[in-house]
């Protein structure tokens, strides 16, 4: 049998069908049909296995366990904190380049060795033997030279404070993924190598340079936040907000 699909063989979409004159009348159900319906049984009956019954009883008798989550949302001040940290980064970079230039001029042998540095809770700078190239004498000399540079000490302190504020402003979920951590003056020195921030990246960052990024150092060496530290940060945000509102009210 052949079916033509040409346009000539199709029915027009506006074609009208003639209404039938036949009247549809509902037919009553006979007594035999009623009896057949009332005696009808399902085609299959589900009988749970012993294993299924045991699982059902186990699930129904186990107590509900509440799962508590904690964290903090990203602060509305985060973009501003990010700009402050970026500015502090370039200030520290300039001071460190100046220090390295002076070091190369006065102590070329020491300048040829790889080293890092950080800032301790009391504001003193500390040399880090990150590449294992420094002797104890080198470390002692670098400590003295680093702390003799007032511009480097000041820039390092500014960057540390801006970084602490940045982490505190970020959220636990989403954001820049810094809010899972607690960064403060006490743990900054064990978390961030300031010298590693300035490892040359080139056109394609190498693993050493990537490991030196602030975020990667925080993720790999940072201290995870606790419910108590999250609560303290949120309380600090509330206090800052209330102080700002009070100041604005006083000006009005």
Protein backbone atom coordinates (compact mmCIF):
# COMPACT_ATOMS: atom_id res chain seq x y z
CA UNK A 1 0.00 0.00 0.00
CA UNK A 2 1.40 3.37 -1.00
CA UNK A 3 0.66 6.58 0.89
CA UNK A 4 1.20 9.89 -0.81
CA UNK A 5 2.55 12.72 1.34
CA UNK A 6 2.15 15.40 -1.30
CA UNK A 7 0.37 18.61 -0.45
CA UNK A 8 -2.43 17.65 -2.77
CA UNK A 9 -3.38 14.62 -0.70
CA UNK A 10 -3.59 16.40 2.67
CA UNK A 11 -6.85 17.62 4.11
CA UNK A 12 -7.38 21.30 4.54
CA UNK A 13 -7.06 22.53 8.10
CA UNK A 14 -10.34 24.43 7.70
CA UNK A 15 -12.35 21.40 6.65
CA UNK A 16 -15.64 21.08 8.60
CA UNK A 17 -17.11 17.74 9.64
CA UNK A 18 -20.84 17.15 9.43
CA UNK A 19 -22.54 16.77 12.79
CA UNK A 20 -24.10 13.34 13.29
CA UNK A 21 -27.79 13.13 14.00
CA UNK A 22 -27.33 10.03 16.15
CA UNK A 23 -28.05 10.60 19.85
CA UNK A 24 -25.74 8.95 22.41
CA UNK A 25 -27.66 7.25 25.18
CA UNK A 26 -26.10 5.74 28.35
CA UNK A 27 -26.84 2.03 28.69
CA UNK A 28 -27.57 0.64 32.17
CA UNK A 29 -25.23 -2.02 33.67
CA UNK A 30 -26.75 -5.46 33.96
CA UNK A 31 -26.89 -7.42 37.25
CA UNK A 32 -24.32 -9.90 35.96
CA UNK A 33 -21.86 -7.06 35.20
CA UNK A 34 -22.39 -5.58 38.68
CA UNK A 35 -21.63 -8.95 40.27
CA UNK A 36 -18.50 -9.37 38.18
CA UNK A 37 -17.19 -5.93 39.25
CA UNK A 38 -17.86 -6.53 42.95
CA UNK A 39 -16.02 -9.88 42.90
CA UNK A 40 -13.04 -8.54 40.98
CA UNK A 41 -9.61 -8.99 42.66
CA UNK A 42 -6.28 -7.22 41.95
CA UNK A 43 -4.04 -8.84 39.39
CA UNK A 44 -1.16 -9.04 41.92
CA UNK A 45 -0.80 -8.60 45.67
CA UNK A 46 2.48 -7.30 47.16
CA UNK A 47 3.82 -9.38 50.04
CA UNK A 48 6.91 -7.68 51.57
CA UNK A 49 9.84 -9.97 52.22
CA UNK A 50 11.22 -10.52 55.69
CA UNK A 51 14.23 -8.35 54.84
CA UNK A 52 11.98 -5.50 53.70
CA UNK A 53 9.86 -5.76 56.85
CA UNK A 54 12.98 -5.76 59.05
CA UNK A 55 14.36 -2.68 57.25
CA UNK A 56 11.05 -0.85 57.65
CA UNK A 57 10.95 -1.58 61.37
CA UNK A 58 14.58 -0.52 61.80
CA UNK A 59 14.06 2.80 60.01
CA UNK A 60 10.85 3.58 61.87
CA UNK A 61 12.30 2.85 65.30
CA UNK A 62 15.58 4.74 64.91
CA UNK A 63 15.63 8.18 66.59
CA UNK A 64 15.87 11.32 64.49
CA UNK A 65 19.35 12.85 64.51
CA UNK A 66 19.68 16.62 64.24
CA UNK A 67 22.59 17.80 62.08
CA UNK A 68 23.88 21.22 63.07
CA UNK A 69 25.72 23.39 60.56
CA UNK A 70 27.58 26.56 61.38
CA UNK A 71 29.31 29.30 59.50
CA UNK A 72 28.86 32.89 58.47
CA UNK A 73 27.59 34.72 55.39
CA UNK A 74 29.81 36.98 53.35
CA UNK A 75 29.80 40.54 54.64
CA UNK A 76 28.63 43.39 52.45
CA UNK A 77 32.03 44.95 53.18
CA UNK A 78 33.93 42.15 51.43
CA UNK A 79 34.53 44.02 48.12
CA UNK A 80 35.92 46.98 50.04
CA UNK A 81 38.14 44.69 52.12
CA UNK A 82 39.42 43.04 48.93
CA UNK A 83 40.45 46.42 47.52
CA UNK A 84 42.24 47.33 50.75
CA UNK A 85 44.17 44.07 50.72
CA UNK A 86 45.09 44.54 47.08
CA UNK A 87 46.46 48.00 47.84
CA UNK A 88 48.39 46.61 50.82
CA UNK A 89 49.80 43.88 48.56
CA UNK A 90 51.31 46.38 46.15
CA UNK A 91 52.65 48.47 49.03
CA UNK A 92 54.36 45.39 50.48
CA UNK A 93 55.68 44.40 47.06
CA UNK A 94 57.31 47.79 46.60
CA UNK A 95 58.89 47.70 50.06
CA UNK A 96 60.17 44.13 49.54
CA UNK A 97 61.70 44.99 46.17
CA UNK A 98 63.47 47.94 47.78
CA UNK A 99 64.76 45.66 50.55
CA UNK A 100 66.04 43.06 48.06
CA UNK A 101 67.80 45.74 46.05
CA UNK A 102 69.62 46.99 49.15
CA UNK A 103 70.41 43.41 50.20
CA UNK A 104 71.93 42.60 46.80
CA UNK A 105 74.12 45.68 47.05
CA UNK A 106 75.36 45.10 50.61
CA UNK A 107 75.23 41.29 50.92
CA UNK A 108 75.20 39.74 47.42
CA UNK A 109 75.92 36.21 48.66
CA UNK A 110 72.94 36.32 51.01
CA UNK A 111 70.72 37.89 48.35
CA UNK A 112 71.42 34.96 46.00
CA UNK A 113 69.81 32.52 48.44
CA UNK A 114 66.08 31.86 48.49
CA UNK A 115 64.27 32.95 51.61
CA UNK A 116 60.85 33.94 52.83
CA UNK A 117 59.66 36.06 55.70
CA UNK A 118 56.59 36.66 57.79
CA UNK A 119 55.36 38.91 60.58
CA UNK A 120 54.82 37.71 64.13
CA UNK A 121 52.10 38.73 66.55
CA UNK A 122 54.31 41.41 68.12
CA UNK A 123 55.00 43.01 64.73
CA UNK A 124 58.55 41.73 64.33
CA UNK A 125 59.60 40.27 61.00
CA UNK A 126 61.01 36.76 60.88
CA UNK A 127 63.09 35.14 58.14
CA UNK A 128 61.88 31.78 56.79
CA UNK A 129 64.21 29.13 55.41
CA UNK A 130 61.61 28.11 52.83
CA UNK A 131 64.09 26.56 50.36
CA UNK A 132 66.51 25.12 52.92
CA UNK A 133 69.38 27.29 51.65
CA UNK A 134 69.98 29.37 54.79
CA UNK A 135 72.35 28.60 57.63
CA UNK A 136 71.66 29.60 61.22
CA UNK A 137 73.99 32.56 60.72
CA UNK A 138 72.10 33.58 57.57
CA UNK A 139 68.78 33.40 59.42
CA UNK A 140 70.05 35.56 62.26
CA UNK A 141 71.47 38.14 59.87
CA UNK A 142 68.27 38.26 57.82
CA UNK A 143 66.16 38.73 60.95
CA UNK A 144 68.21 41.79 61.85
CA UNK A 145 68.16 43.22 58.34
CA UNK A 146 64.42 42.67 57.89
CA UNK A 147 63.56 44.42 61.15
CA UNK A 148 65.95 47.26 60.36
CA UNK A 149 63.72 48.23 57.42
CA UNK A 150 60.97 50.39 58.88
CA UNK A 151 59.16 50.62 55.54
CA UNK A 152 59.07 46.83 55.16
CA UNK A 153 57.85 46.33 58.73
CA UNK A 154 55.10 48.90 58.25
CA UNK A 155 54.01 47.45 54.90
CA UNK A 156 53.98 43.91 56.32
CA UNK A 157 51.82 45.02 59.25
CA UNK A 158 49.38 46.77 56.94
CA UNK A 159 49.11 43.71 54.70
CA UNK A 160 48.60 41.38 57.66
CA UNK A 161 45.78 43.50 59.10
CA UNK A 162 44.10 43.84 55.69
CA UNK A 163 44.33 40.08 55.14
CA UNK A 164 42.81 39.33 58.54
CA UNK A 165 39.91 41.68 57.76
CA UNK A 166 39.46 40.11 54.32
CA UNK A 167 39.15 36.57 55.69
CA UNK A 168 36.75 37.74 58.40
CA UNK A 169 34.57 39.46 55.78
CA UNK A 170 34.23 36.39 53.58
CA UNK A 171 31.52 33.76 54.00
CA UNK A 172 31.59 30.05 54.66
CA UNK A 173 29.47 29.26 51.59
CA UNK A 174 30.44 30.54 48.17
CA UNK A 175 32.21 33.87 48.16
CA UNK A 176 35.96 33.54 47.70
CA UNK A 177 36.22 30.39 49.83
CA UNK A 178 38.17 32.11 52.61
CA UNK A 179 35.39 32.10 55.20
CA UNK A 180 36.09 28.55 56.38
CA UNK A 181 39.25 29.82 58.06
CA UNK A 182 40.25 31.88 61.05
CA UNK A 183 43.18 34.22 60.49
CA UNK A 184 44.52 36.44 63.27
CA UNK A 185 47.76 37.94 64.54
CA UNK A 186 48.58 34.82 66.54
CA UNK A 187 48.44 32.35 63.63
CA UNK A 188 49.41 34.61 60.73
CA UNK A 189 53.13 33.81 60.98
CA UNK A 190 52.50 30.07 60.76
CA UNK A 191 50.10 30.52 57.84
CA UNK A 192 51.44 33.15 55.44
CA UNK A 193 54.93 33.41 53.98
CA UNK A 194 55.01 37.00 52.76
CA UNK A 195 58.03 36.37 50.56
CA UNK A 196 56.22 33.59 48.69
CA UNK A 197 53.58 36.08 47.57
CA UNK A 198 56.12 37.56 45.15
CA UNK A 199 57.53 34.44 43.50
CA UNK A 200 57.66 35.29 39.76
CA UNK A 201 54.65 33.80 38.00
CA UNK A 202 55.64 34.22 34.35
CA UNK A 203 53.18 33.71 31.52
CA UNK A 204 52.15 30.33 32.96
CA UNK A 205 52.24 30.15 36.78
CA UNK A 206 54.36 27.24 38.01
CA UNK A 207 53.42 25.08 41.02
CA UNK A 208 55.79 27.02 43.30
CA UNK A 209 54.21 30.34 42.37
CA UNK A 210 50.67 28.98 42.75
CA UNK A 211 51.52 27.57 46.18
CA UNK A 212 52.64 31.06 47.18
CA UNK A 213 49.29 32.72 46.43
CA UNK A 214 47.58 34.04 49.53
CA UNK A 215 44.50 31.86 49.05
CA UNK A 216 46.54 28.69 48.51
CA UNK A 217 48.66 29.35 51.59
CA UNK A 218 45.50 29.87 53.64
CA UNK A 219 43.88 26.69 52.27
CA UNK A 220 46.97 24.54 52.86
CA UNK A 221 48.20 25.92 56.19
CA UNK A 222 45.28 27.89 57.60
CA UNK A 223 43.42 27.23 60.84
CA UNK A 224 39.83 26.15 60.31
CA UNK A 225 37.21 28.34 61.95
CA UNK A 226 35.12 27.00 64.83
CA UNK A 227 31.54 27.79 65.90
CA UNK A 228 33.03 30.10 68.53
CA UNK A 229 35.23 31.98 66.06
CA UNK A 230 32.32 32.35 63.62
CA UNK A 231 30.19 33.75 66.45
CA UNK A 232 32.95 36.18 67.44
CA UNK A 233 33.28 37.45 63.86
CA UNK A 234 29.51 37.91 63.53
CA UNK A 235 29.44 39.77 66.86
CA UNK A 236 32.24 42.02 65.63
CA UNK A 237 30.30 42.75 62.44
CA UNK A 238 27.20 43.65 64.45
CA UNK A 239 29.21 45.94 66.71
CA UNK A 240 30.77 47.70 63.72
CA UNK A 241 27.37 48.10 62.06
CA UNK A 242 25.81 49.53 65.22
CA UNK A 243 28.72 51.94 65.65
CA UNK A 244 28.32 53.12 62.06
CA UNK A 245 24.57 53.58 62.49
CA UNK A 246 25.16 55.55 65.69
CA UNK A 247 27.69 57.78 63.94
CA UNK A 248 25.30 58.44 61.06
CA UNK A 249 22.50 59.22 63.50
CA UNK A 250 24.73 61.68 65.35
CA UNK A 251 25.52 63.51 62.11
CA UNK A 252 21.83 63.79 61.14
